[in-house]
C-alpha atoms as a PDB file:
ATOM      1  CA  MET A   1      18.102  -1.585 -17.619  1.00  0.00           C
ATOM      2  CA  THR A   2      18.437  -4.689 -15.478  1.00  0.00           C
ATOM      3  CA  VAL A   3      15.518  -5.789 -13.255  1.00  0.00           C
ATOM      4  CA  MET A   4      15.923  -8.622 -10.748  1.00  0.00           C
ATOM      5  CA  TYR A   5      13.494 -10.161  -8.280  1.00  0.00           C
ATOM      6  CA  THR A   6      14.622 -11.837  -5.052  1.00  0.00           C
ATOM      7  CA  GLN A   7      11.990 -13.922  -3.257  1.00  0.00           C
ATOM      8  CA  MET A   8      11.735 -13.604   0.524  1.00  0.00           C
ATOM      9  CA  PRO A   9       9.234 -14.669   3.204  1.00  0.00           C
ATOM     10  CA  ARG A  10       6.235 -12.308   3.214  1.00  0.00           C
ATOM     11  CA  GLU A  11       6.358 -11.723   6.975  1.00  0.00           C
ATOM     12  CA  ASP A  12      10.009 -10.588   6.703  1.00  0.00           C
ATOM     13  CA  VAL A  13       9.223  -8.087   3.951  1.00  0.00           C
ATOM     14  CA  VAL A  14       6.200  -6.730   5.842  1.00  0.00           C
ATOM     15  CA  SER A  15       8.379  -6.200   8.919  1.00  0.00           C
ATOM     16  CA  TYR A  16      11.000  -4.349   6.820  1.00  0.00           C
ATOM     17  CA  LEU A  17       8.334  -2.083   5.315  1.00  0.00           C
ATOM     18  CA  GLY A  18       7.152  -1.068   8.768  1.00  0.00           C
ATOM     19  CA  ARG A  19       4.727   1.868   8.544  1.00  0.00           C
ATOM     20  CA  ALA A  20       4.615   1.646   4.725  1.00  0.00           C
ATOM     21  CA  TRP A  21       2.531  -1.575   4.903  1.00  0.00           C
ATOM     22  CA  PRO A  22      -0.345  -1.814   4.434  1.00  0.00           C
ATOM     23  CA  PRO A  23      -0.542   1.120   2.032  1.00  0.00           C
ATOM     24  CA  GLN A  24      -2.832   3.941   3.103  1.00  0.00           C
ATOM     25  CA  PRO A  25      -6.104   4.622   1.254  1.00  0.00           C
ATOM     26  CA  GLY A  26      -5.521   6.991  -1.667  1.00  0.00           C
ATOM     27  CA  THR A  27      -1.903   5.811  -2.123  1.00  0.00           C
ATOM     28  CA  THR A  28      -0.589   4.935  -5.589  1.00  0.00           C
ATOM     29  CA  VAL A  29       1.018   1.475  -5.776  1.00  0.00           C
ATOM     30  CA  GLU A  30       2.673  -0.407  -8.630  1.00  0.00           C
ATOM     31  CA  ARG A  31       1.568  -3.908  -9.674  1.00  0.00           C
ATOM     32  CA  VAL A  32       4.698  -5.670 -10.952  1.00  0.00           C
ATOM     33  CA  ARG A  33       3.718  -7.277 -14.262  1.00  0.00           C
ATOM     34  CA  PHE A  34       5.945 -10.351 -13.953  1.00  0.00           C
ATOM     35  CA  LEU A  35       5.011 -11.271 -10.346  1.00  0.00           C
ATOM     36  CA  SER A  36       2.023 -13.150  -8.929  1.00  0.00           C
ATOM     37  CA  ASP A  37      -0.443 -11.751  -6.391  1.00  0.00           C
ATOM     38  CA  VAL A  38       1.381 -13.585  -3.606  1.00  0.00           C
ATOM     39  CA  ALA A  39       4.968 -12.640  -4.494  1.00  0.00           C
ATOM     40  CA  ALA A  40       7.041 -11.124  -1.695  1.00  0.00           C
ATOM     41  CA  GLY A  41      10.651 -10.023  -1.763  1.00  0.00           C
ATOM     42  CA  GLY A  42      12.650  -7.298  -3.454  1.00  0.00           C
ATOM     43  CA  VAL A  43      12.755  -5.878  -6.969  1.00  0.00           C
ATOM     44  CA  SER A  44      16.117  -4.369  -7.874  1.00  0.00           C
ATOM     45  CA  VAL A  45      16.491  -1.992 -10.803  1.00  0.00           C
ATOM     46  CA  GLN A  46      19.824  -0.953 -12.244  1.00  0.00           C
ATOM     47  CA  VAL A  47      20.060   1.495 -15.112  1.00  0.00           C
ATOM     48  CA  SER A  48      23.701   2.533 -14.773  1.00  0.00           C
ATOM     49  CA  GLY A  49      25.875   2.648 -11.715  1.00  0.00           C
ATOM     50  CA  PRO A  50      24.401   1.482  -8.423  1.00  0.00           C
ATOM     51  CA  GLY A  51      20.838   0.208  -8.542  1.00  0.00           C
ATOM     52  CA  ARG A  52      17.894   0.631  -6.233  1.00  0.00           C
ATOM     53  CA  THR A  53      15.747  -2.028  -4.551  1.00  0.00           C
ATOM     54  CA  TRP A  54      12.083  -1.801  -3.582  1.00  0.00           C
ATOM     55  CA  TRP A  55      10.264  -4.187  -1.245  1.00  0.00           C
ATOM     56  CA  VAL A  56       7.383  -6.095  -2.843  1.00  0.00           C
ATOM     57  CA  VAL A  57       4.381  -7.576  -1.007  1.00  0.00           C
ATOM     58  CA  ASP A  58       1.533  -9.393  -2.782  1.00  0.00           C
ATOM     59  CA  GLY A  59       3.061  -8.404  -6.137  1.00  0.00           C
ATOM     60  CA  LEU A  60       2.841  -4.690  -5.234  1.00  0.00           C
ATOM     61  CA  ILE A  61       5.507  -2.056  -4.772  1.00  0.00           C
ATOM     62  CA  VAL A  62       4.219   0.501  -2.286  1.00  0.00           C
ATOM     63  CA  PRO A  63       5.731   3.935  -1.569  1.00  0.00           C
ATOM     64  CA  GLN A  64       8.747   3.444   0.683  1.00  0.00           C
ATOM     65  CA  ASP A  65      12.085   4.965   1.634  1.00  0.00           C
ATOM     66  CA  ALA A  66      13.762   3.632  -1.545  1.00  0.00           C
ATOM     67  CA  GLY A  67      12.293   6.571  -3.414  1.00  0.00           C
ATOM     68  CA  PRO A  68       9.459   7.056  -5.874  1.00  0.00           C
ATOM     69  CA  LEU A  69       7.887   4.013  -7.521  1.00  0.00           C
ATOM     70  CA  PRO A  70      10.136   2.700 -10.312  1.00  0.00           C
ATOM     71  CA  GLU A  71       7.304   2.705 -12.917  1.00  0.00           C
ATOM     72  CA  LEU A  72       8.750  -0.242 -14.823  1.00  0.00           C
ATOM     73  CA  GLU A  73       7.606  -0.695 -18.409  1.00  0.00           C
ATOM     74  CA  GLY A  74       4.395  -2.707 -18.548  1.00  0.00           C
ATOM     75  CA  ASP A  75       3.606  -2.318 -14.831  1.00  0.00           C
ATOM     76  CA  GLU A  76       0.248  -0.961 -13.770  1.00  0.00           C
ATOM     77  CA  LEU A  77       0.015   2.015 -11.394  1.00  0.00           C
ATOM     78  CA  ILE A  78      -3.050   1.719  -9.182  1.00  0.00           C
ATOM     79  CA  THR A  79      -4.413   4.425  -6.895  1.00  0.00           C
ATOM     80  CA  LEU A  80      -6.145   2.821  -3.940  1.00  0.00           C
ATOM     81  CA  PRO A  81      -9.623   4.180  -3.211  1.00  0.00           C
ATOM     82  CA  PRO A  82      -9.797   6.863  -0.529  1.00  0.00           C
ATOM     83  CA  ALA A  83     -10.936   5.901   2.930  1.00  0.00           C
ATOM     84  CA  GLU A  84     -14.681   5.860   3.324  1.00  0.00           C
ATOM     85  CA  GLU A  85     -16.012   8.638   5.490  1.00  0.00           C
ATOM     86  CA  PRO A  86     -17.593   7.255   8.642  1.00  0.00           C
ATOM     87  CA  GLU A  87     -21.331   7.572   8.666  1.00  0.00           C
ATOM     88  CA  ALA A  88     -22.589  10.500  10.702  1.00  0.00           C
ATOM     89  CA  PRO A  89     -24.416   9.534  13.852  1.00  0.00           C
ATOM     90  CA  PRO A  90     -28.206   9.712  13.515  1.00  0.00           C
ATOM     91  CA  MET A  91     -29.674  13.123  14.062  1.00  0.00           C
ATOM     92  CA  THR A  92     -31.224  13.517  17.468  1.00  0.00           C
ATOM     93  CA  ASP A  93     -34.136  15.721  18.381  1.00  0.00           C
ATOM     94  CA  ALA A  94     -33.066  18.735  20.429  1.00  0.00           C
ATOM     95  CA  THR A  95     -36.101  18.348  22.666  1.00  0.00           C
ATOM     96  CA  THR A  96     -36.100  15.686  25.302  1.00  0.00           C
ATOM     97  CA  ASP A  97     -39.024  13.884  26.764  1.00  0.00           C
ATOM     98  CA  THR A  98     -39.193  13.981  30.515  1.00  0.00           C
ATOM     99  CA  VAL A  99     -40.973  11.478  32.659  1.00  0.00           C
ATOM    100  CA  ASP A 100     -42.542  12.534  35.948  1.00  0.00           C
ATOM    101  CA  THR A 101     -41.527   9.923  38.509  1.00  0.00           C
ATOM    102  CA  GLN A 102     -43.536  11.346  41.430  1.00  0.00           C
END
């Protein structure tokens, strides 16, 4: 297996990812073991025949149109925490106070 990394400007990669960035809460992402937290570009993997390339932002491969995460040896798969439920509005009393204005 051959793995190559090509560095690119972060803003370019984010624009290529489109709706895939930022990853949604609850999504599983892959932290690429040999990249820093600020790495942006592409990681290409070739086993035999044509390879496949995934976009990388902040050292993470997120789900994208290239297919499932490559799960490279030594990489860490991280499931992002689910979105926090918004707090319910405070309960209100069903009775209302009326003020006589006469």
